[in-house]
Amino acid sequence: MRRVDEAVREVLGDAVNQSLKDPRVGFVTVTDVRTSADLRHARVFVSVFGTEAEQAATLEGLASAHGILQARLARELRMKRTPTLEFELDDTAVRAARLEALIEDVTVVTEDEDS
């Protein structure tokens, strides 16, 4: 499954950055893909640079372009089934920044107590 997920991620990453002309789609990075065991569905995780409104607009643009993206997958990967694509915002970077800030706060408090 991992190889299929990686192949789908690569094709979609290229397609989103090169082929889509939708003005709603901003700066997008396809970060991960998770396909179901039967390859009928694929959750595509994307990182979008911008405000929440820009992120929402980008997700709408990607959802409306799913047919184009599925056709490209079918053409390039020649899979038995082309999965239905579902786009989700990858909030890993936001969570990592929040965790880093919490660690920094704890470190500062600990250093203050030691002084």
C-alpha atoms as a PDB file:
ATOM      1  CA  MET A   1       0.000   0.000   0.000  1.00  0.00           C
ATOM      2  CA  ARG A   2       2.791   2.394   0.825  1.00  0.00           C
ATOM      3  CA  ARG A   3       4.140   2.305  -2.742  1.00  0.00           C
ATOM      4  CA  VAL A   4       0.696   2.956  -4.181  1.00  0.00           C
ATOM      5  CA  ASP A   5       0.140   5.855  -1.774  1.00  0.00           C
ATOM      6  CA  GLU A   6       3.520   7.359  -2.679  1.00  0.00           C
ATOM      7  CA  ALA A   7       2.913   6.981  -6.420  1.00  0.00           C
ATOM      8  CA  VAL A   8      -0.508   8.635  -6.110  1.00  0.00           C
ATOM      9  CA  ARG A   9       1.017  11.441  -4.017  1.00  0.00           C
ATOM     10  CA  GLU A  10       3.695  12.126  -6.639  1.00  0.00           C
ATOM     11  CA  VAL A  11       1.260  12.199  -9.557  1.00  0.00           C
ATOM     12  CA  LEU A  12      -1.229  14.400  -7.715  1.00  0.00           C
ATOM     13  CA  GLY A  13       1.505  16.751  -6.515  1.00  0.00           C
ATOM     14  CA  ASP A  14       2.694  17.276 -10.075  1.00  0.00           C
ATOM     15  CA  ALA A  15      -0.836  17.592 -11.428  1.00  0.00           C
ATOM     16  CA  VAL A  16      -1.937  20.154  -8.830  1.00  0.00           C
ATOM     17  CA  ASN A  17       1.116  22.339  -9.368  1.00  0.00           C
ATOM     18  CA  GLN A  18       1.297  22.071 -13.163  1.00  0.00           C
ATOM     19  CA  SER A  19      -2.133  21.364 -14.608  1.00  0.00           C
ATOM     20  CA  LEU A  20      -4.766  23.112 -12.517  1.00  0.00           C
ATOM     21  CA  LYS A  21      -5.755  26.581 -13.681  1.00  0.00           C
ATOM     22  CA  ASP A  22      -8.450  27.185 -11.046  1.00  0.00           C
ATOM     23  CA  PRO A  23      -7.801  30.592  -9.420  1.00  0.00           C
ATOM     24  CA  ARG A  24      -9.136  29.259  -6.107  1.00  0.00           C
ATOM     25  CA  VAL A  25      -6.255  26.812  -5.837  1.00  0.00           C
ATOM     26  CA  GLY A  26      -3.408  28.591  -4.110  1.00  0.00           C
ATOM     27  CA  PHE A  27       0.025  27.377  -3.058  1.00  0.00           C
ATOM     28  CA  VAL A  28      -0.574  23.678  -2.342  1.00  0.00           C
ATOM     29  CA  THR A  29       1.680  20.816  -1.316  1.00  0.00           C
ATOM     30  CA  VAL A  30       0.357  17.255  -1.358  1.00  0.00           C
ATOM     31  CA  THR A  31       1.799  15.920   1.885  1.00  0.00           C
ATOM     32  CA  ASP A  32       0.308  12.443   2.148  1.00  0.00           C
ATOM     33  CA  VAL A  33      -2.128  10.024   0.519  1.00  0.00           C
ATOM     34  CA  ARG A  34      -3.913   7.145   2.188  1.00  0.00           C
ATOM     35  CA  THR A  35      -5.759   4.750  -0.052  1.00  0.00           C
ATOM     36  CA  SER A  36      -8.310   2.241   1.140  1.00  0.00           C
ATOM     37  CA  ALA A  37      -7.437  -1.449   0.935  1.00  0.00           C
ATOM     38  CA  ASP A  38      -9.672  -1.922  -2.107  1.00  0.00           C
ATOM     39  CA  LEU A  39      -8.207   1.193  -3.817  1.00  0.00           C
ATOM     40  CA  ARG A  40     -11.660   2.715  -4.271  1.00  0.00           C
ATOM     41  CA  HIS A  41     -11.011   5.759  -2.104  1.00  0.00           C
ATOM     42  CA  ALA A  42      -8.010   7.956  -1.409  1.00  0.00           C
ATOM     43  CA  ARG A  43      -7.694  10.600   1.291  1.00  0.00           C
ATOM     44  CA  VAL A  44      -5.332  13.250  -0.014  1.00  0.00           C
ATOM     45  CA  PHE A  45      -3.747  15.452   2.636  1.00  0.00           C
ATOM     46  CA  VAL A  46      -2.663  18.886   1.483  1.00  0.00           C
ATOM     47  CA  SER A  47      -0.829  21.752   3.079  1.00  0.00           C
ATOM     48  CA  VAL A  48      -2.063  25.139   1.895  1.00  0.00           C
ATOM     49  CA  PHE A  49      -0.226  28.400   2.420  1.00  0.00           C
ATOM     50  CA  GLY A  50      -2.578  31.238   3.327  1.00  0.00           C
ATOM     51  CA  THR A  51      -5.440  32.311   5.532  1.00  0.00           C
ATOM     52  CA  GLU A  52      -8.297  30.045   6.573  1.00  0.00           C
ATOM     53  CA  ALA A  53     -10.452  31.539   3.806  1.00  0.00           C
ATOM     54  CA  GLU A  54      -7.746  30.852   1.213  1.00  0.00           C
ATOM     55  CA  GLN A  55      -7.346  27.308   2.534  1.00  0.00           C
ATOM     56  CA  ALA A  56     -11.106  26.696   2.297  1.00  0.00           C
ATOM     57  CA  ALA A  57     -11.196  28.098  -1.246  1.00  0.00           C
ATOM     58  CA  THR A  58      -8.273  25.885  -2.243  1.00  0.00           C
ATOM     59  CA  LEU A  59     -10.020  22.786  -0.873  1.00  0.00           C
ATOM     60  CA  GLU A  60     -13.150  23.732  -2.863  1.00  0.00           C
ATOM     61  CA  GLY A  61     -11.060  24.173  -6.003  1.00  0.00           C
ATOM     62  CA  LEU A  62      -9.385  20.814  -5.514  1.00  0.00           C
ATOM     63  CA  ALA A  63     -12.718  19.103  -4.910  1.00  0.00           C
ATOM     64  CA  SER A  64     -14.144  20.574  -8.113  1.00  0.00           C
ATOM     65  CA  ALA A  65     -11.058  19.429 -10.051  1.00  0.00           C
ATOM     66  CA  HIS A  66     -11.199  15.850  -8.754  1.00  0.00           C
ATOM     67  CA  GLY A  67     -12.309  14.509 -12.145  1.00  0.00           C
ATOM     68  CA  ILE A  68      -9.295  16.020 -13.899  1.00  0.00           C
ATOM     69  CA  LEU A  69      -6.995  14.698 -11.202  1.00  0.00           C
ATOM     70  CA  GLN A  70      -8.544  11.212 -11.279  1.00  0.00           C
ATOM     71  CA  ALA A  71      -8.164  11.101 -15.063  1.00  0.00           C
ATOM     72  CA  ARG A  72      -4.486  11.986 -14.734  1.00  0.00           C
ATOM     73  CA  LEU A  73      -4.042   9.248 -12.120  1.00  0.00           C
ATOM     74  CA  ALA A  74      -5.703   6.709 -14.408  1.00  0.00           C
ATOM     75  CA  ARG A  75      -3.544   7.764 -17.355  1.00  0.00           C
ATOM     76  CA  GLU A  76      -0.206   7.785 -15.515  1.00  0.00           C
ATOM     77  CA  LEU A  77      -0.543   4.890 -13.058  1.00  0.00           C
ATOM     78  CA  ARG A  78      -2.728   2.449 -15.004  1.00  0.00           C
ATOM     79  CA  MET A  79      -4.330   1.095 -11.856  1.00  0.00           C
ATOM     80  CA  LYS A  80      -7.076  -1.505 -11.875  1.00  0.00           C
ATOM     81  CA  ARG A  81      -9.305   1.053 -10.167  1.00  0.00           C
ATOM     82  CA  THR A  82      -8.794   4.781  -9.956  1.00  0.00           C
ATOM     83  CA  PRO A  83      -9.649   5.897  -6.430  1.00  0.00           C
ATOM     84  CA  THR A  84     -12.202   8.568  -5.642  1.00  0.00           C
ATOM     85  CA  LEU A  85     -10.285  11.508  -4.219  1.00  0.00           C
ATOM     86  CA  GLU A  86     -11.153  13.254  -0.970  1.00  0.00           C
ATOM     87  CA  PHE A  87      -9.031  16.278  -0.063  1.00  0.00           C
ATOM     88  CA  GLU A  88      -8.279  17.159   3.557  1.00  0.00           C
ATOM     89  CA  LEU A  89      -6.216  19.903   5.087  1.00  0.00           C
ATOM     90  CA  ASP A  90      -3.028  18.595   6.695  1.00  0.00           C
ATOM     91  CA  ASP A  91      -2.652  20.455   9.963  1.00  0.00           C
ATOM     92  CA  THR A  92       0.597  18.750  10.985  1.00  0.00           C
ATOM     93  CA  ALA A  93       2.646  21.961  10.644  1.00  0.00           C
ATOM     94  CA  VAL A  94       0.166  23.918  12.769  1.00  0.00           C
ATOM     95  CA  ARG A  95       0.152  21.238  15.465  1.00  0.00           C
ATOM     96  CA  ALA A  96       3.953  21.063  15.422  1.00  0.00           C
ATOM     97  CA  ALA A  97       4.229  24.834  15.864  1.00  0.00           C
ATOM     98  CA  ARG A  98       1.742  24.721  18.740  1.00  0.00           C
ATOM     99  CA  LEU A  99       3.670  21.884  20.399  1.00  0.00           C
ATOM    100  CA  GLU A 100       6.947  23.725  19.921  1.00  0.00           C
ATOM    101  CA  ALA A 101       5.459  26.844  21.570  1.00  0.00           C
ATOM    102  CA  LEU A 102       4.251  24.751  24.524  1.00  0.00           C
ATOM    103  CA  ILE A 103       7.699  23.195  24.951  1.00  0.00           C
ATOM    104  CA  GLU A 104       9.267  26.645  24.793  1.00  0.00           C
ATOM    105  CA  ASP A 105       6.859  27.900  27.482  1.00  0.00           C
ATOM    106  CA  VAL A 106       7.708  24.967  29.758  1.00  0.00           C
ATOM    107  CA  THR A 107      11.428  25.492  29.160  1.00  0.00           C
ATOM    108  CA  VAL A 108      11.181  29.198  30.042  1.00  0.00           C
ATOM    109  CA  VAL A 109       9.177  28.455  33.213  1.00  0.00           C
ATOM    110  CA  THR A 110      11.672  25.756  34.267  1.00  0.00           C
ATOM    111  CA  GLU A 111      14.632  28.072  33.692  1.00  0.00           C
ATOM    112  CA  ASP A 112      12.922  30.817  35.726  1.00  0.00           C
ATOM    113  CA  GLU A 113      12.360  28.414  38.624  1.00  0.00           C
ATOM    114  CA  ASP A 114      16.009  27.319  38.546  1.00  0.00           C
ATOM    115  CA  SER A 115      17.219  30.950  38.847  1.00  0.00           C
END
